[in-house]
Amino acid sequence: MKNILFLGDSLTAGYGLPAAQAYPSLIQEMLKEKGHDYKVINAGLSGDTTSGGVYRIDRWLNEQVDILALALGANDGLRGIPTRETTKNLHEIIRKVRLKNPEVKIILSGMEIPDIVPGMYAAEFRKLFRELALKENVSFIPFLLEGVVGNRYLNLPDGIHPNAEGQKLLAQHTWKVLEELL
């Protein structure tokens, strides 16, 4: 059996929901339905940043990682962490995983922050994911929260975290890219 590691933050962890409603669990169900013999490992940690991911990835490299779904960066954006630092951290996670398993397939989930953020930061932040995906030659989800962000019917009352219906959209966005790698 092969493993798919989802390394992410509260979006991946399914903040405020039962684990079975988080999008990695939904992906596990889709894999089973389609007859793919993969085990999904949900390494989502609420509040995690890319720098946290650099340290946390080592623990998961004791497992065989065949596909890495890298979904970190939202908290970097919310905290205004410089984009060069976020880029460096994501690159380091990819480097560590490839060092352990050169055959690993990687999906990078793009994040965005609202354009209401003053200055160039929002544009730089959006661009960093696209540029990194090209540079590292990894599969890419342009915006994991596409269609979910800002929709009160798809988010918990906090307006930030997807509810069970929102998580289904995250699973769909991920599945579109993941299916090509299976």
N, C-alpha and C. Protein backbone atom coordinates (compact mmCIF):
# COMPACT_ATOMS: atom_id res chain seq x y z
N MET A 1 0.83 -1.19 0.00
CA MET A 1 0.00 0.00 0.00
C MET A 1 0.87 1.25 0.00
N LYS A 2 0.47 2.24 -0.78
CA LYS A 2 1.21 3.50 -0.85
C LYS A 2 0.56 4.54 0.06
N ASN A 3 1.36 5.52 0.45
CA ASN A 3 0.89 6.57 1.36
C ASN A 3 0.83 7.93 0.69
N ILE A 4 -0.23 8.68 1.03
CA ILE A 4 -0.35 10.08 0.64
C ILE A 4 -0.33 10.88 1.94
N LEU A 5 0.66 11.74 2.07
CA LEU A 5 0.79 12.58 3.26
C LEU A 5 0.25 13.97 2.96
N PHE A 6 -0.74 14.39 3.75
CA PHE A 6 -1.27 15.74 3.67
C PHE A 6 -0.62 16.55 4.77
N LEU A 7 0.31 17.43 4.42
CA LEU A 7 0.98 18.28 5.40
C LEU A 7 0.36 19.67 5.30
N GLY A 8 -0.38 20.05 6.35
CA GLY A 8 -1.08 21.32 6.28
C GLY A 8 -1.40 21.89 7.63
N ASP A 9 -2.33 22.83 7.61
CA ASP A 9 -2.73 23.57 8.81
C ASP A 9 -4.17 23.22 9.18
N SER A 10 -4.89 24.17 9.76
CA SER A 10 -6.27 23.91 10.20
C SER A 10 -7.20 23.52 9.05
N LEU A 11 -6.91 24.00 7.85
CA LEU A 11 -7.75 23.65 6.70
C LEU A 11 -7.67 22.15 6.45
N THR A 12 -6.46 21.60 6.55
CA THR A 12 -6.21 20.16 6.35
C THR A 12 -6.72 19.36 7.55
N ALA A 13 -6.50 19.90 8.74
CA ALA A 13 -6.91 19.20 9.96
C ALA A 13 -8.43 19.11 10.07
N GLY A 14 -9.13 20.00 9.34
CA GLY A 14 -10.59 20.01 9.44
C GLY A 14 -11.06 20.71 10.70
N TYR A 15 -10.44 21.81 11.01
CA TYR A 15 -10.74 22.58 12.22
C TYR A 15 -12.24 22.68 12.48
N GLY A 16 -12.65 22.34 13.70
CA GLY A 16 -14.04 22.48 14.12
C GLY A 16 -14.97 21.39 13.62
N LEU A 17 -14.43 20.38 12.97
CA LEU A 17 -15.24 19.30 12.39
C LEU A 17 -14.73 17.95 12.87
N PRO A 18 -15.56 16.91 12.81
CA PRO A 18 -15.05 15.56 13.05
C PRO A 18 -14.00 15.22 11.99
N ALA A 19 -12.99 14.45 12.35
CA ALA A 19 -11.90 14.10 11.42
C ALA A 19 -12.42 13.53 10.10
N ALA A 20 -13.51 12.80 10.15
CA ALA A 20 -14.06 12.17 8.94
C ALA A 20 -14.57 13.18 7.92
N GLN A 21 -14.77 14.44 8.34
CA GLN A 21 -15.26 15.47 7.43
C GLN A 21 -14.15 16.34 6.85
N ALA A 22 -12.92 16.15 7.32
CA ALA A 22 -11.79 16.91 6.77
C ALA A 22 -11.49 16.39 5.37
N TYR A 23 -11.05 17.28 4.48
CA TYR A 23 -10.89 16.86 3.09
C TYR A 23 -9.92 15.70 2.87
N PRO A 24 -8.85 15.51 3.66
CA PRO A 24 -8.04 14.30 3.46
C PRO A 24 -8.84 13.01 3.68
N SER A 25 -9.75 13.02 4.65
CA SER A 25 -10.60 11.84 4.88
C SER A 25 -11.54 11.62 3.71
N LEU A 26 -12.03 12.70 3.14
CA LEU A 26 -12.90 12.58 1.96
C LEU A 26 -12.11 12.01 0.77
N ILE A 27 -10.86 12.43 0.65
CA ILE A 27 -9.98 11.89 -0.41
C ILE A 27 -9.78 10.39 -0.18
N GLN A 28 -9.59 9.98 1.07
CA GLN A 28 -9.42 8.56 1.37
C GLN A 28 -10.63 7.77 0.87
N GLU A 29 -11.83 8.29 1.11
CA GLU A 29 -13.05 7.63 0.64
C GLU A 29 -13.09 7.55 -0.88
N MET A 30 -12.70 8.63 -1.55
CA MET A 30 -12.70 8.65 -3.01
C MET A 30 -11.72 7.62 -3.57
N LEU A 31 -10.55 7.52 -2.94
CA LEU A 31 -9.54 6.54 -3.36
C LEU A 31 -10.10 5.13 -3.25
N LYS A 32 -10.76 4.85 -2.13
CA LYS A 32 -11.34 3.53 -1.89
C LYS A 32 -12.41 3.22 -2.94
N GLU A 33 -13.30 4.20 -3.17
CA GLU A 33 -14.38 4.03 -4.16
C GLU A 33 -13.84 3.70 -5.55
N LYS A 34 -12.71 4.34 -5.90
CA LYS A 34 -12.15 4.17 -7.24
C LYS A 34 -11.17 2.99 -7.31
N GLY A 35 -11.01 2.27 -6.19
CA GLY A 35 -10.16 1.09 -6.18
C GLY A 35 -8.67 1.36 -6.11
N HIS A 36 -8.27 2.53 -5.62
CA HIS A 36 -6.84 2.85 -5.47
C HIS A 36 -6.38 2.45 -4.07
N ASP A 37 -5.28 1.72 -4.01
CA ASP A 37 -4.77 1.18 -2.74
C ASP A 37 -3.78 2.17 -2.11
N TYR A 38 -4.32 3.25 -1.56
CA TYR A 38 -3.51 4.28 -0.90
C TYR A 38 -4.05 4.52 0.49
N LYS A 39 -3.13 4.83 1.41
CA LYS A 39 -3.51 5.24 2.76
C LYS A 39 -3.23 6.74 2.89
N VAL A 40 -4.23 7.48 3.31
CA VAL A 40 -4.07 8.91 3.52
C VAL A 40 -3.64 9.15 4.97
N ILE A 41 -2.61 9.95 5.12
CA ILE A 41 -2.13 10.37 6.44
C ILE A 41 -2.41 11.86 6.56
N ASN A 42 -3.25 12.24 7.52
CA ASN A 42 -3.59 13.64 7.71
C ASN A 42 -2.65 14.24 8.75
N ALA A 43 -1.69 15.01 8.29
CA ALA A 43 -0.75 15.70 9.17
C ALA A 43 -1.08 17.19 9.20
N GLY A 44 -2.38 17.47 9.32
CA GLY A 44 -2.82 18.86 9.46
C GLY A 44 -2.72 19.28 10.91
N LEU A 45 -2.20 20.46 11.16
CA LEU A 45 -2.04 20.99 12.51
C LEU A 45 -2.51 22.44 12.53
N SER A 46 -3.56 22.70 13.26
CA SER A 46 -4.12 24.06 13.32
C SER A 46 -3.05 25.07 13.74
N GLY A 47 -3.02 26.18 13.02
CA GLY A 47 -2.08 27.26 13.33
C GLY A 47 -0.70 27.09 12.74
N ASP A 48 -0.45 25.96 12.06
CA ASP A 48 0.90 25.71 11.57
C ASP A 48 1.27 26.67 10.43
N THR A 49 2.54 26.98 10.39
CA THR A 49 3.11 27.82 9.34
C THR A 49 4.09 26.97 8.53
N THR A 50 4.63 27.56 7.48
CA THR A 50 5.62 26.83 6.68
C THR A 50 6.87 26.52 7.50
N SER A 51 7.26 27.42 8.40
CA SER A 51 8.45 27.13 9.22
C SER A 51 8.17 25.96 10.15
N GLY A 52 6.95 25.86 10.68
CA GLY A 52 6.58 24.70 11.48
C GLY A 52 6.62 23.44 10.65
N GLY A 53 6.19 23.54 9.41
CA GLY A 53 6.20 22.39 8.49
C GLY A 53 7.61 21.87 8.22
N VAL A 54 8.57 22.79 8.14
CA VAL A 54 9.97 22.39 7.92
C VAL A 54 10.42 21.46 9.04
N TYR A 55 10.04 21.78 10.26
CA TYR A 55 10.43 20.95 11.41
C TYR A 55 9.58 19.70 11.53
N ARG A 56 8.28 19.82 11.25
CA ARG A 56 7.38 18.68 11.40
C ARG A 56 7.58 17.60 10.34
N ILE A 57 8.06 17.97 9.16
CA ILE A 57 8.16 16.99 8.07
C ILE A 57 9.11 15.85 8.44
N ASP A 58 10.13 16.13 9.22
CA ASP A 58 11.10 15.09 9.60
C ASP A 58 10.41 13.91 10.28
N ARG A 59 9.45 14.20 11.14
CA ARG A 59 8.75 13.14 11.86
C ARG A 59 8.00 12.24 10.88
N TRP A 60 7.45 12.81 9.82
CA TRP A 60 6.65 12.04 8.87
C TRP A 60 7.50 11.30 7.86
N LEU A 61 8.77 11.65 7.77
CA LEU A 61 9.64 10.97 6.80
C LEU A 61 10.07 9.59 7.27
N ASN A 62 9.68 9.23 8.49
CA ASN A 62 9.88 7.85 8.94
C ASN A 62 8.88 6.92 8.26
N GLU A 63 7.81 7.51 7.73
CA GLU A 63 6.80 6.77 6.95
C GLU A 63 7.23 6.82 5.48
N GLN A 64 6.76 5.85 4.70
CA GLN A 64 6.96 5.92 3.26
C GLN A 64 5.99 6.98 2.73
N VAL A 65 6.50 8.01 2.06
CA VAL A 65 5.65 9.03 1.47
C VAL A 65 5.74 8.90 -0.04
N ASP A 66 4.66 8.45 -0.68
CA ASP A 66 4.63 8.30 -2.13
C ASP A 66 4.10 9.56 -2.82
N ILE A 67 3.14 10.20 -2.17
CA ILE A 67 2.60 11.48 -2.65
C ILE A 67 2.52 12.43 -1.47
N LEU A 68 3.04 13.63 -1.65
CA LEU A 68 2.95 14.67 -0.63
C LEU A 68 1.98 15.73 -1.14
N ALA A 69 0.93 15.98 -0.38
CA ALA A 69 0.03 17.10 -0.64
C ALA A 69 0.42 18.20 0.36
N LEU A 70 1.11 19.20 -0.14
CA LEU A 70 1.67 20.26 0.70
C LEU A 70 0.71 21.45 0.71
N ALA A 71 0.06 21.65 1.84
CA ALA A 71 -0.98 22.68 1.95
C ALA A 71 -0.69 23.60 3.13
N LEU A 72 0.47 24.21 3.11
CA LEU A 72 0.85 25.17 4.14
C LEU A 72 1.03 26.55 3.51
N GLY A 73 0.90 27.58 4.32
CA GLY A 73 1.14 28.93 3.85
C GLY A 73 0.04 29.91 4.23
N ALA A 74 -1.17 29.42 4.47
CA ALA A 74 -2.27 30.33 4.82
C ALA A 74 -1.94 31.15 6.06
N ASN A 75 -1.39 30.49 7.08
CA ASN A 75 -1.06 31.21 8.32
C ASN A 75 0.13 32.16 8.14
N ASP A 76 1.03 31.81 7.23
CA ASP A 76 2.12 32.75 6.89
C ASP A 76 1.51 34.04 6.36
N GLY A 77 0.54 33.88 5.43
CA GLY A 77 -0.10 35.05 4.84
C GLY A 77 -0.86 35.87 5.86
N LEU A 78 -1.59 35.19 6.75
CA LEU A 78 -2.36 35.91 7.78
C LEU A 78 -1.44 36.67 8.73
N ARG A 79 -0.23 36.15 8.92
CA ARG A 79 0.71 36.80 9.85
C ARG A 79 1.64 37.77 9.15
N GLY A 80 1.54 37.86 7.82
CA GLY A 80 2.39 38.78 7.08
C GLY A 80 3.85 38.37 7.04
N ILE A 81 4.11 37.09 7.14
CA ILE A 81 5.49 36.59 7.06
C ILE A 81 6.03 36.90 5.66
N PRO A 82 7.24 37.43 5.54
CA PRO A 82 7.77 37.78 4.22
C PRO A 82 7.69 36.60 3.23
N THR A 83 7.28 36.92 2.01
CA THR A 83 7.07 35.86 1.01
C THR A 83 8.35 35.08 0.72
N ARG A 84 9.50 35.74 0.79
CA ARG A 84 10.76 35.01 0.53
C ARG A 84 10.98 33.93 1.59
N GLU A 85 10.55 34.20 2.83
CA GLU A 85 10.70 33.22 3.90
C GLU A 85 9.73 32.04 3.69
N THR A 86 8.49 32.35 3.31
CA THR A 86 7.51 31.29 3.02
C THR A 86 8.02 30.42 1.88
N THR A 87 8.53 31.06 0.83
CA THR A 87 9.06 30.32 -0.33
C THR A 87 10.21 29.42 0.09
N LYS A 88 11.13 29.97 0.88
CA LYS A 88 12.30 29.20 1.34
C LYS A 88 11.85 27.98 2.14
N ASN A 89 10.86 28.16 3.01
CA ASN A 89 10.38 27.05 3.84
C ASN A 89 9.70 25.97 3.01
N LEU A 90 8.84 26.36 2.07
CA LEU A 90 8.18 25.38 1.21
C LEU A 90 9.21 24.61 0.38
N HIS A 91 10.19 25.34 -0.13
CA HIS A 91 11.28 24.70 -0.90
C HIS A 91 12.01 23.67 -0.02
N GLU A 92 12.26 24.02 1.22
CA GLU A 92 12.98 23.13 2.13
C GLU A 92 12.18 21.86 2.44
N ILE A 93 10.87 21.99 2.60
CA ILE A 93 10.02 20.82 2.83
C ILE A 93 10.10 19.90 1.61
N ILE A 94 9.97 20.47 0.42
CA ILE A 94 10.06 19.68 -0.82
C ILE A 94 11.42 18.99 -0.93
N ARG A 95 12.48 19.74 -0.61
CA ARG A 95 13.84 19.18 -0.68
C ARG A 95 14.00 17.99 0.25
N LYS A 96 13.52 18.13 1.49
CA LYS A 96 13.65 17.05 2.47
C LYS A 96 12.89 15.79 2.02
N VAL A 97 11.69 15.98 1.50
CA VAL A 97 10.89 14.84 1.07
C VAL A 97 11.54 14.14 -0.12
N ARG A 98 12.06 14.92 -1.06
CA ARG A 98 12.71 14.34 -2.25
C ARG A 98 14.01 13.65 -1.88
N LEU A 99 14.71 14.17 -0.88
CA LEU A 99 15.95 13.54 -0.43
C LEU A 99 15.66 12.14 0.10
N LYS A 100 14.56 12.00 0.84
CA LYS A 100 14.18 10.72 1.43
C LYS A 100 13.61 9.78 0.37
N ASN A 101 12.83 10.32 -0.57
CA ASN A 101 12.23 9.52 -1.63
C ASN A 101 12.24 10.30 -2.94
N PRO A 102 13.27 10.11 -3.78
CA PRO A 102 13.37 10.85 -5.04
C PRO A 102 12.19 10.62 -5.99
N GLU A 103 11.46 9.52 -5.79
CA GLU A 103 10.32 9.20 -6.67
C GLU A 103 9.01 9.85 -6.22
N VAL A 104 9.03 10.56 -5.10
CA VAL A 104 7.81 11.13 -4.54
C VAL A 104 7.15 12.07 -5.55
N LYS A 105 5.82 12.04 -5.56
CA LYS A 105 5.04 12.99 -6.36
C LYS A 105 4.50 14.03 -5.39
N ILE A 106 4.54 15.29 -5.81
CA ILE A 106 4.18 16.38 -4.91
C ILE A 106 3.10 17.26 -5.51
N ILE A 107 2.13 17.59 -4.67
CA ILE A 107 1.09 18.55 -5.02
C ILE A 107 1.25 19.74 -4.09
N LEU A 108 1.35 20.92 -4.67
CA LEU A 108 1.41 22.16 -3.89
C LEU A 108 0.05 22.84 -3.98
N SER A 109 -0.55 23.11 -2.82
CA SER A 109 -1.83 23.81 -2.77
C SER A 109 -1.57 25.30 -2.63
N GLY A 110 -2.00 26.06 -3.62
CA GLY A 110 -1.83 27.50 -3.58
C GLY A 110 -2.77 28.16 -2.60
N MET A 111 -2.31 29.22 -2.01
CA MET A 111 -3.10 30.02 -1.06
C MET A 111 -3.12 31.46 -1.57
N GLU A 112 -4.13 32.17 -1.15
CA GLU A 112 -4.22 33.59 -1.49
C GLU A 112 -4.67 34.34 -0.25
N ILE A 113 -4.34 35.62 -0.23
CA ILE A 113 -4.88 36.48 0.81
C ILE A 113 -5.63 37.60 0.10
N PRO A 114 -6.63 38.17 0.75
CA PRO A 114 -7.47 39.17 0.07
C PRO A 114 -6.67 40.37 -0.43
N ASP A 115 -7.10 40.89 -1.56
CA ASP A 115 -6.45 42.06 -2.12
C ASP A 115 -6.64 43.31 -1.27
N ILE A 116 -7.51 43.22 -0.24
CA ILE A 116 -7.70 44.39 0.63
C ILE A 116 -6.47 44.64 1.50
N VAL A 117 -5.57 43.64 1.56
CA VAL A 117 -4.32 43.83 2.30
C VAL A 117 -3.51 44.89 1.54
N PRO A 118 -3.09 45.94 2.25
CA PRO A 118 -2.40 47.04 1.56
C PRO A 118 -1.04 46.64 0.98
N GLY A 119 -0.61 47.39 0.00
CA GLY A 119 0.71 47.19 -0.61
C GLY A 119 0.73 46.01 -1.57
N MET A 120 1.90 45.53 -1.85
CA MET A 120 2.12 44.48 -2.85
C MET A 120 2.04 43.08 -2.26
N TYR A 121 1.87 42.96 -0.95
CA TYR A 121 1.99 41.66 -0.29
C TYR A 121 1.03 40.62 -0.86
N ALA A 122 -0.24 40.97 -1.05
CA ALA A 122 -1.23 40.00 -1.53
C ALA A 122 -0.82 39.44 -2.89
N ALA A 123 -0.37 40.29 -3.79
CA ALA A 123 0.05 39.86 -5.13
C ALA A 123 1.31 38.99 -5.04
N GLU A 124 2.27 39.41 -4.24
CA GLU A 124 3.50 38.63 -4.07
C GLU A 124 3.20 37.26 -3.47
N PHE A 125 2.30 37.26 -2.50
CA PHE A 125 1.95 36.02 -1.82
C PHE A 125 1.31 35.03 -2.80
N ARG A 126 0.36 35.52 -3.61
CA ARG A 126 -0.33 34.67 -4.59
C ARG A 126 0.69 34.11 -5.60
N LYS A 127 1.60 34.96 -6.02
CA LYS A 127 2.59 34.60 -7.05
C LYS A 127 3.60 33.56 -6.55
N LEU A 128 3.93 33.59 -5.27
CA LEU A 128 4.98 32.71 -4.75
C LEU A 128 4.64 31.24 -4.97
N PHE A 129 3.37 30.86 -4.84
CA PHE A 129 2.98 29.45 -5.01
C PHE A 129 3.11 29.01 -6.47
N ARG A 130 2.65 29.88 -7.38
CA ARG A 130 2.74 29.55 -8.81
C ARG A 130 4.21 29.40 -9.23
N GLU A 131 5.02 30.36 -8.80
CA GLU A 131 6.45 30.33 -9.18
C GLU A 131 7.16 29.11 -8.59
N LEU A 132 6.86 28.78 -7.34
CA LEU A 132 7.49 27.63 -6.70
C LEU A 132 7.08 26.33 -7.39
N ALA A 133 5.80 26.22 -7.74
CA ALA A 133 5.31 25.01 -8.42
C ALA A 133 6.05 24.80 -9.74
N LEU A 134 6.25 25.88 -10.48
CA LEU A 134 6.99 25.78 -11.75
C LEU A 134 8.45 25.44 -11.52
N LYS A 135 9.07 26.15 -10.59
CA LYS A 135 10.50 25.96 -10.32
C LYS A 135 10.79 24.53 -9.83
N GLU A 136 9.91 24.01 -8.97
CA GLU A 136 10.12 22.68 -8.38
C GLU A 136 9.51 21.56 -9.22
N ASN A 137 8.80 21.94 -10.29
CA ASN A 137 8.15 20.97 -11.17
C ASN A 137 7.23 20.03 -10.38
N VAL A 138 6.30 20.63 -9.64
CA VAL A 138 5.33 19.87 -8.86
C VAL A 138 3.93 20.16 -9.38
N SER A 139 3.00 19.27 -9.10
CA SER A 139 1.60 19.50 -9.46
C SER A 139 1.07 20.65 -8.61
N PHE A 140 0.05 21.33 -9.12
CA PHE A 140 -0.34 22.59 -8.48
C PHE A 140 -1.85 22.77 -8.46
N ILE A 141 -2.37 23.11 -7.30
CA ILE A 141 -3.75 23.54 -7.12
C ILE A 141 -3.68 25.06 -6.98
N PRO A 142 -4.17 25.82 -7.96
CA PRO A 142 -3.99 27.27 -7.90
C PRO A 142 -4.47 27.93 -6.61
N PHE A 143 -5.65 27.54 -6.11
CA PHE A 143 -6.15 28.14 -4.87
C PHE A 143 -7.05 27.12 -4.19
N LEU A 144 -6.54 26.53 -3.11
CA LEU A 144 -7.25 25.47 -2.41
C LEU A 144 -8.65 25.90 -1.97
N LEU A 145 -8.81 27.16 -1.58
CA LEU A 145 -10.09 27.65 -1.06
C LEU A 145 -10.99 28.28 -2.13
N GLU A 146 -10.67 28.03 -3.40
CA GLU A 146 -11.47 28.58 -4.50
C GLU A 146 -12.95 28.26 -4.30
N GLY A 147 -13.79 29.29 -4.35
CA GLY A 147 -15.23 29.09 -4.21
C GLY A 147 -15.71 28.92 -2.77
N VAL A 148 -14.78 28.79 -1.85
CA VAL A 148 -15.14 28.58 -0.44
C VAL A 148 -14.94 29.87 0.35
N VAL A 149 -13.83 30.51 0.13
CA VAL A 149 -13.50 31.72 0.89
C VAL A 149 -14.58 32.78 0.66
N GLY A 150 -15.02 33.37 1.75
CA GLY A 150 -16.02 34.43 1.67
C GLY A 150 -17.46 33.95 1.52
N ASN A 151 -17.67 32.66 1.37
CA ASN A 151 -19.03 32.12 1.22
C ASN A 151 -19.50 31.63 2.58
N ARG A 152 -20.42 32.36 3.19
CA ARG A 152 -20.83 32.02 4.56
C ARG A 152 -21.52 30.66 4.65
N TYR A 153 -22.05 30.16 3.54
CA TYR A 153 -22.71 28.85 3.55
C TYR A 153 -21.71 27.70 3.53
N LEU A 154 -20.45 28.00 3.22
CA LEU A 154 -19.43 26.96 3.12
C LEU A 154 -18.38 27.06 4.23
N ASN A 155 -18.61 27.98 5.17
CA ASN A 155 -17.65 28.18 6.25
C ASN A 155 -18.33 28.09 7.61
N LEU A 156 -17.51 27.79 8.61
CA LEU A 156 -17.97 27.80 9.99
C LEU A 156 -18.32 29.25 10.36
N PRO A 157 -18.99 29.45 11.49
CA PRO A 157 -19.36 30.82 11.90
C PRO A 157 -18.17 31.78 11.98
N ASP A 158 -16.94 31.27 12.15
CA ASP A 158 -15.78 32.17 12.21
C ASP A 158 -15.48 32.81 10.85
N GLY A 159 -16.09 32.31 9.79
CA GLY A 159 -15.89 32.89 8.46
C GLY A 159 -14.55 32.57 7.83
N ILE A 160 -13.75 31.76 8.50
CA ILE A 160 -12.40 31.46 8.02
C ILE A 160 -12.24 29.99 7.64
N HIS A 161 -12.80 29.12 8.47
CA HIS A 161 -12.59 27.68 8.28
C HIS A 161 -13.78 27.03 7.57
N PRO A 162 -13.50 26.21 6.56
CA PRO A 162 -14.58 25.54 5.82
C PRO A 162 -15.40 24.62 6.72
N ASN A 163 -16.72 24.61 6.49
CA ASN A 163 -17.59 23.65 7.17
C ASN A 163 -17.55 22.34 6.36
N ALA A 164 -18.40 21.39 6.71
CA ALA A 164 -18.38 20.09 6.03
C ALA A 164 -18.59 20.24 4.53
N GLU A 165 -19.50 21.14 4.11
CA GLU A 165 -19.74 21.36 2.69
C GLU A 165 -18.53 22.01 2.02
N GLY A 166 -17.90 22.96 2.72
CA GLY A 166 -16.70 23.60 2.20
C GLY A 166 -15.55 22.61 2.03
N GLN A 167 -15.42 21.71 2.98
CA GLN A 167 -14.38 20.69 2.91
C GLN A 167 -14.56 19.81 1.67
N LYS A 168 -15.82 19.59 1.26
CA LYS A 168 -16.06 18.80 0.05
C LYS A 168 -15.48 19.49 -1.18
N LEU A 169 -15.55 20.82 -1.22
CA LEU A 169 -14.95 21.56 -2.34
C LEU A 169 -13.43 21.46 -2.31
N LEU A 170 -12.83 21.54 -1.12
CA LEU A 170 -11.38 21.37 -1.01
C LEU A 170 -10.98 19.99 -1.53
N ALA A 171 -11.78 18.99 -1.20
CA ALA A 171 -11.51 17.62 -1.69
C ALA A 171 -11.60 17.57 -3.21
N GLN A 172 -12.60 18.24 -3.78
CA GLN A 172 -12.75 18.24 -5.24
C GLN A 172 -11.56 18.91 -5.92
N HIS A 173 -11.14 20.07 -5.40
CA HIS A 173 -9.99 20.76 -5.98
C HIS A 173 -8.74 19.87 -5.93
N THR A 174 -8.58 19.19 -4.82
CA THR A 174 -7.41 18.32 -4.63
C THR A 174 -7.50 17.09 -5.52
N TRP A 175 -8.68 16.50 -5.60
CA TRP A 175 -8.87 15.28 -6.38
C TRP A 175 -8.54 15.50 -7.86
N LYS A 176 -8.94 16.66 -8.40
CA LYS A 176 -8.67 16.97 -9.81
C LYS A 176 -7.19 16.82 -10.13
N VAL A 177 -6.35 17.27 -9.22
CA VAL A 177 -4.89 17.22 -9.44
C VAL A 177 -4.35 15.85 -9.04
N LEU A 178 -4.82 15.33 -7.93
CA LEU A 178 -4.33 14.03 -7.42
C LEU A 178 -4.62 12.89 -8.38
N GLU A 179 -5.79 12.90 -8.98
CA GLU A 179 -6.21 11.81 -9.86
C GLU A 179 -5.21 11.58 -11.00
N GLU A 180 -4.61 12.67 -11.49
CA GLU A 180 -3.63 12.56 -12.57
C GLU A 180 -2.34 11.87 -12.12
N LEU A 181 -2.08 11.84 -10.81
CA LEU A 181 -0.84 11.28 -10.29
C LEU A 181 -0.97 9.81 -9.92
N LEU A 182 -2.19 9.30 -9.86
CA LEU A 182 -2.41 7.93 -9.38
C LEU A 182 -2.09 6.88 -10.45
